[in-house]
N, C-alpha and C. Protein backbone atom coordinates (compact mmCIF):
# COMPACT_ATOMS: atom_id res chain seq x y z
N MET A 1 80.29 116.94 112.63
CA MET A 1 81.15 116.85 111.28
C MET A 1 80.22 116.55 110.21
N ASP A 2 80.79 116.80 109.07
CA ASP A 2 80.26 116.54 107.80
C ASP A 2 79.83 115.16 107.65
N GLY A 3 78.55 114.81 107.53
CA GLY A 3 77.98 113.43 107.52
C GLY A 3 78.39 112.72 106.09
N GLU A 4 78.70 113.53 105.24
CA GLU A 4 78.96 112.80 103.85
C GLU A 4 80.63 112.50 103.74
N ARG A 5 81.48 113.28 104.19
CA ARG A 5 82.79 112.93 104.24
C ARG A 5 83.56 112.68 105.59
N GLY A 6 82.80 113.33 106.56
CA GLY A 6 83.58 113.34 107.93
C GLY A 6 82.77 112.20 108.69
N GLY A 7 83.18 111.88 109.87
CA GLY A 7 82.53 111.00 110.70
C GLY A 7 81.37 111.47 111.45
N GLU A 8 80.30 110.65 111.56
CA GLU A 8 79.08 111.17 112.38
C GLU A 8 78.40 109.91 112.89
N VAL A 9 78.13 109.92 114.13
CA VAL A 9 77.18 108.83 114.82
C VAL A 9 75.78 109.35 114.71
N ARG A 10 74.89 108.63 114.13
CA ARG A 10 73.51 109.01 113.98
C ARG A 10 72.77 108.27 114.95
N PRO A 11 71.49 108.62 115.21
CA PRO A 11 70.56 107.98 116.11
C PRO A 11 70.50 106.55 115.78
N GLY A 12 70.47 105.70 116.89
CA GLY A 12 70.34 104.30 116.63
C GLY A 12 71.77 103.65 116.60
N GLY A 13 72.78 104.44 116.72
CA GLY A 13 74.22 103.91 116.74
C GLY A 13 74.84 103.77 115.41
N GLU A 14 74.18 104.27 114.38
CA GLU A 14 74.64 104.15 112.98
C GLU A 14 75.88 105.19 112.81
N PHE A 15 76.97 104.59 112.27
CA PHE A 15 78.09 105.43 112.22
C PHE A 15 78.57 105.54 110.62
N VAL A 16 78.69 106.80 110.19
CA VAL A 16 78.85 107.19 108.90
C VAL A 16 80.24 107.91 108.62
N LEU A 17 81.05 107.48 107.92
CA LEU A 17 82.44 108.13 107.43
C LEU A 17 82.70 107.49 106.10
N TRP A 18 82.55 108.54 105.24
CA TRP A 18 82.72 108.20 103.73
C TRP A 18 83.87 107.41 103.67
N PRO A 19 83.85 106.28 102.84
CA PRO A 19 82.63 105.90 101.94
C PRO A 19 81.78 104.74 102.62
N ILE A 20 81.92 104.53 104.03
CA ILE A 20 81.16 103.63 104.57
C ILE A 20 80.14 104.08 105.51
N ARG A 21 79.24 103.23 105.89
CA ARG A 21 78.09 103.41 106.76
C ARG A 21 78.09 102.01 107.38
N VAL A 22 78.15 102.17 108.87
CA VAL A 22 78.00 100.91 109.67
C VAL A 22 76.82 100.89 110.62
N ARG A 23 76.11 99.98 110.61
CA ARG A 23 74.88 99.84 111.45
C ARG A 23 74.74 98.46 111.80
N ALA A 24 73.96 98.26 112.97
CA ALA A 24 73.42 97.11 113.29
C ALA A 24 72.01 96.63 112.81
N ILE A 25 72.04 95.53 112.32
CA ILE A 25 70.77 94.99 111.83
C ILE A 25 70.22 93.82 112.40
N ARG A 26 68.91 93.54 112.42
CA ARG A 26 68.41 92.28 113.05
C ARG A 26 68.18 91.38 111.98
N ILE A 27 68.56 89.98 112.20
CA ILE A 27 68.38 89.04 111.04
C ILE A 27 67.98 87.84 111.87
N ARG A 28 67.08 87.06 111.09
CA ARG A 28 66.48 85.69 111.42
C ARG A 28 67.46 84.70 111.11
N THR A 29 67.93 83.81 112.20
CA THR A 29 68.44 82.67 111.97
C THR A 29 67.86 81.35 112.45
N ARG A 30 68.45 80.22 112.10
CA ARG A 30 67.63 79.02 112.74
C ARG A 30 67.45 79.16 114.17
N SER A 31 68.28 79.75 115.02
CA SER A 31 68.27 79.75 116.42
C SER A 31 67.44 81.02 116.98
N GLY A 32 66.94 81.74 116.08
CA GLY A 32 66.15 83.08 116.53
C GLY A 32 66.83 84.34 115.83
N GLU A 33 66.26 85.32 116.35
CA GLU A 33 66.70 86.61 115.74
C GLU A 33 68.10 87.10 116.55
N ARG A 34 69.00 87.50 115.58
CA ARG A 34 70.20 88.15 116.12
C ARG A 34 70.60 89.43 115.57
N GLU A 35 71.36 90.19 116.41
CA GLU A 35 71.91 91.37 115.76
C GLU A 35 73.24 91.17 115.18
N ARG A 36 73.34 91.79 114.11
CA ARG A 36 74.54 91.61 113.17
C ARG A 36 75.03 92.92 112.76
N PRO A 37 76.47 93.14 112.45
CA PRO A 37 76.90 94.36 111.88
C PRO A 37 76.79 94.41 110.34
N LEU A 38 76.42 95.59 109.74
CA LEU A 38 76.38 95.71 108.43
C LEU A 38 77.22 96.87 107.92
N VAL A 39 78.36 96.66 107.09
CA VAL A 39 78.99 97.63 106.54
C VAL A 39 78.58 97.91 105.12
N GLU A 40 77.93 99.18 104.92
CA GLU A 40 77.46 99.39 103.57
C GLU A 40 78.52 100.19 102.86
N HIS A 41 78.88 99.84 101.62
CA HIS A 41 79.93 100.45 100.94
C HIS A 41 79.45 100.77 99.41
N PRO A 42 79.67 101.68 98.80
CA PRO A 42 79.33 102.14 97.39
C PRO A 42 79.89 101.28 96.29
N GLY A 43 80.77 100.38 96.70
CA GLY A 43 81.47 99.62 95.67
C GLY A 43 82.79 100.14 95.24
N ALA A 44 83.65 99.36 94.65
CA ALA A 44 84.94 99.70 94.20
C ALA A 44 85.39 98.88 92.90
N ALA A 45 86.40 99.49 92.30
CA ALA A 45 87.02 98.65 91.09
C ALA A 45 88.39 98.65 91.23
N ALA A 46 89.14 97.78 90.49
CA ALA A 46 90.57 97.59 90.52
C ALA A 46 90.94 97.22 89.14
N VAL A 47 92.16 97.56 88.98
CA VAL A 47 92.78 97.43 87.46
C VAL A 47 94.14 96.63 87.43
N VAL A 48 94.22 95.56 86.84
CA VAL A 48 95.52 94.98 86.65
C VAL A 48 96.11 95.41 85.25
N PRO A 49 96.91 96.57 85.26
CA PRO A 49 97.36 97.07 84.01
C PRO A 49 98.64 96.27 83.38
N VAL A 50 98.40 95.79 82.21
CA VAL A 50 99.61 94.87 81.77
C VAL A 50 100.05 95.43 80.49
N GLU A 51 101.31 95.61 80.34
CA GLU A 51 101.81 95.99 79.02
C GLU A 51 103.24 95.27 78.74
N ALA A 52 103.35 94.73 77.67
CA ALA A 52 104.55 94.00 77.21
C ALA A 52 105.06 92.88 78.24
N GLY A 53 104.17 92.24 78.71
CA GLY A 53 104.52 91.17 79.68
C GLY A 53 104.69 91.56 81.14
N ALA A 54 104.55 92.99 81.48
CA ALA A 54 104.77 93.70 82.72
C ALA A 54 103.52 94.09 83.33
N VAL A 55 103.44 94.13 84.61
CA VAL A 55 102.21 94.67 85.38
C VAL A 55 102.76 95.90 86.07
N TYR A 56 101.90 96.81 86.37
CA TYR A 56 102.08 98.01 87.00
C TYR A 56 101.33 97.99 88.44
N LEU A 57 102.02 98.00 89.50
CA LEU A 57 101.45 97.94 90.80
C LEU A 57 101.66 99.31 91.48
N VAL A 58 101.13 99.56 92.52
CA VAL A 58 101.34 100.67 93.45
C VAL A 58 101.63 100.26 94.78
N ARG A 59 102.75 100.80 95.31
CA ARG A 59 103.16 100.43 96.74
C ARG A 59 102.54 101.66 97.75
N GLN A 60 101.88 101.25 98.61
CA GLN A 60 101.37 102.21 99.62
C GLN A 60 101.23 101.72 101.04
N TRP A 61 101.27 102.73 101.77
CA TRP A 61 101.21 102.37 103.32
C TRP A 61 99.64 102.10 103.62
N ARG A 62 99.35 101.12 104.32
CA ARG A 62 97.99 100.74 104.71
C ARG A 62 97.94 100.81 106.37
N TYR A 63 97.38 101.73 106.81
CA TYR A 63 97.37 102.00 108.28
C TYR A 63 96.69 100.72 109.02
N ALA A 64 95.87 100.35 108.46
CA ALA A 64 94.91 99.07 109.13
C ALA A 64 95.72 97.96 109.41
N VAL A 65 96.67 97.63 108.40
CA VAL A 65 97.49 96.38 108.77
C VAL A 65 99.01 96.91 109.22
N GLY A 66 99.22 98.14 109.24
CA GLY A 66 100.58 98.77 109.60
C GLY A 66 101.76 98.22 108.57
N GLU A 67 101.44 98.28 107.40
CA GLU A 67 102.51 98.00 106.48
C GLU A 67 102.37 98.51 104.99
N ASP A 68 103.51 98.55 104.30
CA ASP A 68 103.38 98.99 102.91
C ASP A 68 102.91 97.54 102.07
N LEU A 69 101.93 97.90 101.28
CA LEU A 69 101.49 96.71 100.46
C LEU A 69 101.68 97.01 98.97
N LEU A 70 101.95 96.04 98.23
CA LEU A 70 101.98 96.18 96.76
C LEU A 70 100.65 95.84 96.28
N GLU A 71 99.74 96.83 95.46
CA GLU A 71 98.58 96.54 95.15
C GLU A 71 98.39 96.94 93.63
N ILE A 72 97.20 96.42 93.08
CA ILE A 72 96.73 96.89 91.75
C ILE A 72 96.11 98.32 92.02
N PRO A 73 96.22 99.23 90.99
CA PRO A 73 95.32 100.38 91.29
C PRO A 73 93.97 100.21 91.52
N ALA A 74 93.33 100.71 92.48
CA ALA A 74 91.88 100.51 92.97
C ALA A 74 91.32 101.70 93.74
N GLY A 75 90.09 101.74 93.79
CA GLY A 75 89.54 102.75 94.67
C GLY A 75 87.96 102.69 94.67
N THR A 76 87.36 103.42 95.62
CA THR A 76 86.01 103.44 95.76
C THR A 76 85.11 104.24 94.72
N ARG A 77 84.04 103.62 94.27
CA ARG A 77 83.23 104.14 93.35
C ARG A 77 82.65 105.53 93.84
N GLU A 78 82.57 106.52 93.10
CA GLU A 78 81.99 107.74 93.40
C GLU A 78 80.41 107.79 92.97
N GLU A 79 79.69 108.49 93.48
CA GLU A 79 78.25 108.59 93.18
C GLU A 79 78.00 108.85 91.80
N GLY A 80 77.20 107.99 91.09
CA GLY A 80 76.86 108.21 89.69
C GLY A 80 77.83 107.43 88.83
N GLU A 81 79.00 107.01 89.25
CA GLU A 81 79.97 106.53 88.41
C GLU A 81 79.73 104.91 88.21
N THR A 82 80.11 104.52 87.06
CA THR A 82 79.98 102.89 86.91
C THR A 82 81.40 102.33 87.31
N LEU A 83 81.22 101.12 87.52
CA LEU A 83 82.61 100.45 87.93
C LEU A 83 83.62 100.59 86.90
N GLU A 84 83.22 100.67 85.71
CA GLU A 84 84.22 100.86 84.58
C GLU A 84 84.97 102.20 84.68
N GLU A 85 84.00 103.27 84.94
CA GLU A 85 84.54 104.58 85.02
C GLU A 85 85.41 104.69 86.38
N CYS A 86 84.99 104.09 87.30
CA CYS A 86 85.87 104.01 88.52
C CYS A 86 87.31 103.41 88.18
N ALA A 87 87.21 102.43 87.53
CA ALA A 87 88.50 101.65 87.27
C ALA A 87 89.45 102.48 86.43
N SER A 88 88.78 103.17 85.42
CA SER A 88 89.63 104.20 84.49
C SER A 88 90.06 105.41 85.31
N ARG A 89 89.24 105.87 86.15
CA ARG A 89 89.65 107.13 87.02
C ARG A 89 90.83 106.75 87.86
N GLU A 90 90.65 105.54 88.55
CA GLU A 90 91.84 105.23 89.57
C GLU A 90 93.12 104.86 88.84
N LEU A 91 92.98 104.29 87.73
CA LEU A 91 94.25 103.76 86.97
C LEU A 91 95.10 105.25 86.61
N VAL A 92 94.37 106.12 86.27
CA VAL A 92 95.00 107.42 85.84
C VAL A 92 95.48 108.00 87.24
N GLU A 93 94.61 108.25 88.22
CA GLU A 93 95.08 108.86 89.52
C GLU A 93 96.33 108.20 89.98
N GLU A 94 96.29 106.87 90.09
CA GLU A 94 97.41 106.22 90.98
C GLU A 94 98.46 105.79 90.18
N ALA A 95 98.28 105.45 88.96
CA ALA A 95 99.46 104.82 88.11
C ALA A 95 99.85 105.68 87.06
N GLY A 96 98.98 106.75 86.63
CA GLY A 96 99.39 107.47 85.52
C GLY A 96 99.18 106.70 84.11
N LEU A 97 98.10 105.86 84.21
CA LEU A 97 98.02 105.14 82.94
C LEU A 97 96.53 105.22 82.44
N ARG A 98 96.28 105.09 81.18
CA ARG A 98 94.98 105.07 80.75
C ARG A 98 94.93 103.92 79.85
N ALA A 99 93.80 103.05 79.97
CA ALA A 99 93.71 101.77 79.36
C ALA A 99 92.91 101.99 78.04
N GLY A 100 93.49 101.54 76.99
CA GLY A 100 92.50 101.57 75.73
C GLY A 100 91.42 100.43 75.72
N ARG A 101 91.62 99.44 76.58
CA ARG A 101 90.63 98.43 76.68
C ARG A 101 90.65 97.98 78.24
N LEU A 102 89.42 97.66 78.58
CA LEU A 102 89.29 97.19 80.08
C LEU A 102 88.45 96.00 79.78
N VAL A 103 89.01 94.82 80.34
CA VAL A 103 88.29 93.43 80.26
C VAL A 103 88.09 93.10 81.59
N ARG A 104 86.58 92.77 82.01
CA ARG A 104 86.30 92.35 83.29
C ARG A 104 86.79 91.03 83.56
N LEU A 105 87.38 90.83 84.68
CA LEU A 105 87.90 89.53 85.12
C LEU A 105 87.13 88.98 86.19
N PHE A 106 86.47 89.86 87.04
CA PHE A 106 85.83 89.46 88.22
C PHE A 106 84.87 90.52 88.79
N GLU A 107 83.69 90.06 89.24
CA GLU A 107 82.92 90.86 89.97
C GLU A 107 82.22 90.07 91.17
N GLY A 108 82.36 90.59 92.31
CA GLY A 108 81.90 89.87 93.44
C GLY A 108 81.88 90.75 94.66
N TYR A 109 81.74 89.92 95.90
CA TYR A 109 81.80 90.52 97.31
C TYR A 109 82.97 90.15 97.93
N PRO A 110 83.85 90.97 98.22
CA PRO A 110 85.03 90.73 99.07
C PRO A 110 84.83 90.27 100.59
N THR A 111 83.71 90.86 101.19
CA THR A 111 83.54 90.57 102.62
C THR A 111 81.95 90.37 102.82
N PRO A 112 81.28 89.34 102.21
CA PRO A 112 79.91 89.25 102.38
C PRO A 112 79.35 88.89 103.77
N GLY A 113 80.19 88.50 104.68
CA GLY A 113 79.76 88.13 105.91
C GLY A 113 79.23 89.36 106.76
N TYR A 114 79.73 90.55 106.23
CA TYR A 114 79.24 91.75 107.20
C TYR A 114 79.28 92.96 106.15
N GLY A 115 79.78 92.79 104.89
CA GLY A 115 79.67 94.01 104.15
C GLY A 115 78.90 93.87 102.71
N SER A 116 78.57 94.96 102.13
CA SER A 116 77.58 95.03 101.00
C SER A 116 78.64 95.40 99.78
N GLU A 117 79.92 95.72 99.99
CA GLU A 117 80.83 96.19 98.94
C GLU A 117 80.90 95.28 97.66
N ARG A 118 80.69 95.73 96.58
CA ARG A 118 80.81 94.93 95.33
C ARG A 118 82.04 95.30 94.64
N LEU A 119 83.06 94.43 94.40
CA LEU A 119 84.29 94.79 93.84
C LEU A 119 84.33 94.34 92.38
N ALA A 120 84.73 95.07 91.44
CA ALA A 120 85.06 94.67 90.00
C ALA A 120 86.57 94.61 89.77
N ILE A 121 87.11 93.74 89.12
CA ILE A 121 88.50 93.70 88.89
C ILE A 121 88.60 93.50 87.33
N PHE A 122 89.44 94.52 86.77
CA PHE A 122 89.66 94.44 85.47
C PHE A 122 90.96 94.39 84.99
N LEU A 123 91.32 93.83 83.69
CA LEU A 123 92.52 93.70 83.06
C LEU A 123 92.65 95.08 82.23
N GLY A 124 93.55 95.83 82.39
CA GLY A 124 93.73 97.01 81.59
C GLY A 124 94.81 96.69 80.54
N LEU A 125 94.40 97.04 79.36
CA LEU A 125 95.29 96.64 78.07
C LEU A 125 95.47 97.92 77.33
N ASP A 126 96.37 98.02 76.27
CA ASP A 126 96.51 99.07 75.35
C ASP A 126 96.76 100.33 76.13
N LEU A 127 97.75 100.17 76.98
CA LEU A 127 97.98 101.47 77.88
C LEU A 127 98.68 102.60 77.26
N GLU A 128 98.27 103.67 77.76
CA GLU A 128 98.84 105.06 77.43
C GLU A 128 99.40 105.71 78.72
N HIS A 129 100.58 106.25 78.73
CA HIS A 129 101.19 106.76 79.82
C HIS A 129 100.76 108.26 79.92
N VAL A 130 100.07 108.76 81.01
CA VAL A 130 99.53 110.07 81.21
C VAL A 130 99.97 110.52 82.60
N GLU A 131 99.79 111.80 82.79
CA GLU A 131 100.15 112.22 84.12
C GLU A 131 99.26 111.75 85.26
N ARG A 132 99.99 111.33 86.35
CA ARG A 132 99.23 110.84 87.59
C ARG A 132 98.49 112.02 88.13
N ASP A 133 97.24 111.74 88.81
CA ASP A 133 96.36 112.65 89.36
C ASP A 133 96.00 112.20 90.85
N LEU A 134 97.15 112.14 91.62
CA LEU A 134 96.82 111.58 93.06
C LEU A 134 96.08 112.55 93.71
N GLU A 135 95.17 111.87 94.59
CA GLU A 135 94.56 112.77 95.62
C GLU A 135 95.34 113.17 96.60
N GLU A 136 94.99 114.34 97.27
CA GLU A 136 95.81 114.97 98.20
C GLU A 136 96.49 114.11 99.24
N ASP A 137 95.71 113.05 99.84
CA ASP A 137 96.25 112.18 100.80
C ASP A 137 96.94 110.88 100.39
N GLU A 138 97.19 110.88 99.08
CA GLU A 138 97.69 109.47 98.49
C GLU A 138 99.40 109.81 98.35
N PHE A 139 99.92 108.87 98.72
CA PHE A 139 101.55 108.75 98.64
C PHE A 139 101.65 107.40 98.02
N LEU A 140 101.88 107.30 96.61
CA LEU A 140 101.92 106.04 96.09
C LEU A 140 103.32 105.85 95.36
N GLU A 141 103.95 104.81 95.19
CA GLU A 141 105.03 104.65 94.44
C GLU A 141 104.63 103.44 93.35
N VAL A 142 104.72 103.86 92.03
CA VAL A 142 104.45 102.95 90.89
C VAL A 142 105.53 102.02 90.67
N VAL A 143 105.30 100.66 90.71
CA VAL A 143 106.29 99.76 90.55
C VAL A 143 105.85 98.85 89.23
N ARG A 144 106.78 98.73 88.51
CA ARG A 144 106.64 97.88 87.26
C ARG A 144 107.36 96.76 87.38
N MET A 145 106.81 95.46 87.07
CA MET A 145 107.53 94.25 87.13
C MET A 145 106.96 93.26 86.14
N PRO A 146 107.62 92.19 85.82
CA PRO A 146 107.23 91.07 84.95
C PRO A 146 105.87 90.58 85.58
N LEU A 147 104.92 90.42 84.87
CA LEU A 147 103.75 89.77 85.31
C LEU A 147 103.98 88.29 85.90
N ARG A 148 105.06 87.68 85.23
CA ARG A 148 105.37 86.34 85.81
C ARG A 148 106.07 86.40 87.26
N GLU A 149 106.65 87.53 87.56
CA GLU A 149 107.40 87.79 88.94
C GLU A 149 106.19 88.12 89.89
N ALA A 150 105.19 88.98 89.42
CA ALA A 150 104.03 89.23 90.28
C ALA A 150 103.20 87.99 90.71
N VAL A 151 103.10 86.97 89.79
CA VAL A 151 102.46 85.87 90.12
C VAL A 151 103.21 85.05 91.06
N ARG A 152 104.58 84.91 90.98
CA ARG A 152 105.42 84.36 91.97
C ARG A 152 105.19 84.83 93.41
N MET A 153 105.24 86.15 93.36
CA MET A 153 105.01 86.93 94.70
C MET A 153 103.84 86.63 95.38
N VAL A 154 102.61 86.44 94.59
CA VAL A 154 101.51 86.00 95.05
C VAL A 154 101.52 84.68 95.70
N ARG A 155 102.04 83.73 94.91
CA ARG A 155 102.25 82.48 95.43
C ARG A 155 103.16 82.19 96.65
N THR A 156 104.07 83.08 96.80
CA THR A 156 104.90 83.06 97.92
C THR A 156 104.53 83.97 99.15
N GLY A 157 103.48 84.66 98.97
CA GLY A 157 102.93 85.45 100.07
C GLY A 157 103.70 86.91 100.14
N LEU A 158 104.34 87.21 99.16
CA LEU A 158 104.96 88.60 99.17
C LEU A 158 103.91 89.63 98.77
N ILE A 159 102.99 89.28 97.99
CA ILE A 159 101.74 90.13 97.68
C ILE A 159 100.73 89.81 98.57
N ARG A 160 100.28 90.50 99.52
CA ARG A 160 99.29 90.10 100.61
C ARG A 160 98.07 90.62 100.53
N ASP A 161 97.81 91.50 99.56
CA ASP A 161 96.41 92.17 99.18
C ASP A 161 95.52 91.21 98.47
N LEU A 162 94.31 90.83 99.10
CA LEU A 162 93.57 89.83 98.27
C LEU A 162 93.03 90.22 96.91
N LYS A 163 92.68 91.32 96.88
CA LYS A 163 92.20 91.67 95.40
C LYS A 163 93.31 91.88 94.47
N THR A 164 94.56 92.30 94.86
CA THR A 164 95.57 92.14 93.97
C THR A 164 96.08 90.80 93.69
N ALA A 165 96.09 89.86 94.57
CA ALA A 165 96.39 88.55 94.37
C ALA A 165 95.44 87.89 93.40
N LEU A 166 94.14 88.06 93.41
CA LEU A 166 93.06 87.59 92.64
C LEU A 166 93.16 88.11 91.17
N GLY A 167 93.37 89.48 91.23
CA GLY A 167 93.39 90.06 90.07
C GLY A 167 94.71 89.73 89.21
N ILE A 168 95.87 89.48 89.83
CA ILE A 168 97.03 89.08 89.16
C ILE A 168 96.88 87.57 88.66
N LEU A 169 96.32 86.74 89.41
CA LEU A 169 96.22 85.37 89.00
C LEU A 169 95.18 85.26 87.90
N LEU A 170 94.07 86.11 87.92
CA LEU A 170 93.04 85.91 86.85
C LEU A 170 93.60 86.61 85.60
N ALA A 171 94.39 87.64 85.69
CA ALA A 171 95.02 88.22 84.48
C ALA A 171 95.91 87.34 83.76
N TRP A 172 96.83 86.60 84.57
CA TRP A 172 97.71 85.71 84.17
C TRP A 172 96.94 84.51 83.49
N GLN A 173 95.94 84.03 83.96
CA GLN A 173 95.27 82.88 83.53
C GLN A 173 94.62 83.36 82.21
N ALA A 174 94.02 84.55 82.21
CA ALA A 174 93.32 84.86 81.01
C ALA A 174 94.27 85.09 79.80
N ILE A 175 95.49 85.70 80.09
CA ILE A 175 96.44 85.62 79.18
C ILE A 175 97.14 84.23 78.64
N GLN A 176 97.29 83.64 79.64
CA GLN A 176 97.81 82.20 79.31
C GLN A 176 96.97 81.26 78.36
N LEU A 177 95.63 81.40 78.82
CA LEU A 177 94.65 80.53 78.17
C LEU A 177 94.22 81.17 76.73
N GLY A 178 94.89 82.47 76.41
CA GLY A 178 94.47 82.99 75.17
C GLY A 178 93.09 83.64 75.23
N GLU A 179 92.42 83.87 76.46
CA GLU A 179 91.20 84.49 76.46
C GLU A 179 91.44 85.92 76.00
N VAL A 180 92.43 86.58 76.26
CA VAL A 180 92.70 87.88 75.80
C VAL A 180 94.15 87.87 75.28
N SER A 181 94.32 88.90 74.38
CA SER A 181 95.64 89.06 73.87
C SER A 181 96.03 90.48 74.23
N PRO A 182 97.26 90.58 74.93
CA PRO A 182 97.58 91.94 75.36
C PRO A 182 97.75 92.89 74.19
N GLY A 183 97.71 92.42 72.91
CA GLY A 183 97.97 93.30 71.71
C GLY A 183 96.71 93.66 70.97
N SER A 184 95.69 92.71 71.30
CA SER A 184 94.40 92.94 70.55
C SER A 184 93.22 92.76 71.29
N GLY A 185 92.11 92.97 70.79
CA GLY A 185 90.88 92.59 71.72
C GLY A 185 90.62 91.27 72.16
N PRO A 186 89.51 91.19 73.23
CA PRO A 186 89.43 89.86 73.55
C PRO A 186 89.06 88.81 72.41
N SER A 187 89.70 87.46 72.52
CA SER A 187 89.32 86.69 71.54
C SER A 187 87.84 86.03 71.51
N SER A 188 87.30 86.15 72.84
CA SER A 188 85.93 85.60 72.93
C SER A 188 85.13 86.37 73.99
N GLY A 189 85.39 87.59 74.02
CA GLY A 189 84.60 88.53 74.92
C GLY A 189 85.36 88.42 76.25
N ALA A 190 84.74 88.82 77.38
CA ALA A 190 85.35 88.84 78.69
C ALA A 190 85.56 87.40 79.11
N PRO A 191 86.71 87.09 79.73
CA PRO A 191 86.92 85.65 80.37
C PRO A 191 85.92 85.30 81.37
């Protein structure tokens, strides 16, 4: 199969299926050398798009957990793409929105125990509605709701995707603390 987009098992047991590569590595611990899995990932970006006190989410089926999840628009970084460019592209593709401003809320590692993925979460403001550009295999429903309701859904466990929960809570906090204004630029840079 195509090693770039299709699955391929390489010598040494390395498995590649875009966007990930899984391999076993040897690490030194206090008790000696151990073999551990490493999932290499090119990185991802997500956007919390907020307009007039409402947030846009996407509902999509996630085969790994066997259920529909409400999520913020997000996706994998393409080769040569910055995290900001990735966030902008995914927002158009999945939600049909273009952000006039992206404010970085978070950047970190979602699974540092075994993965190298770096995730950036942005607050998307000054939204423009455009035509969605879904990938061939994406079946998403755009859901608009009050940001306050999304916060409640995080706190009650109805929103179960971790990046979405973190993004919603950080966006809510940044707006409530006046670190960003949904109608103007950030008051003091990125929160």
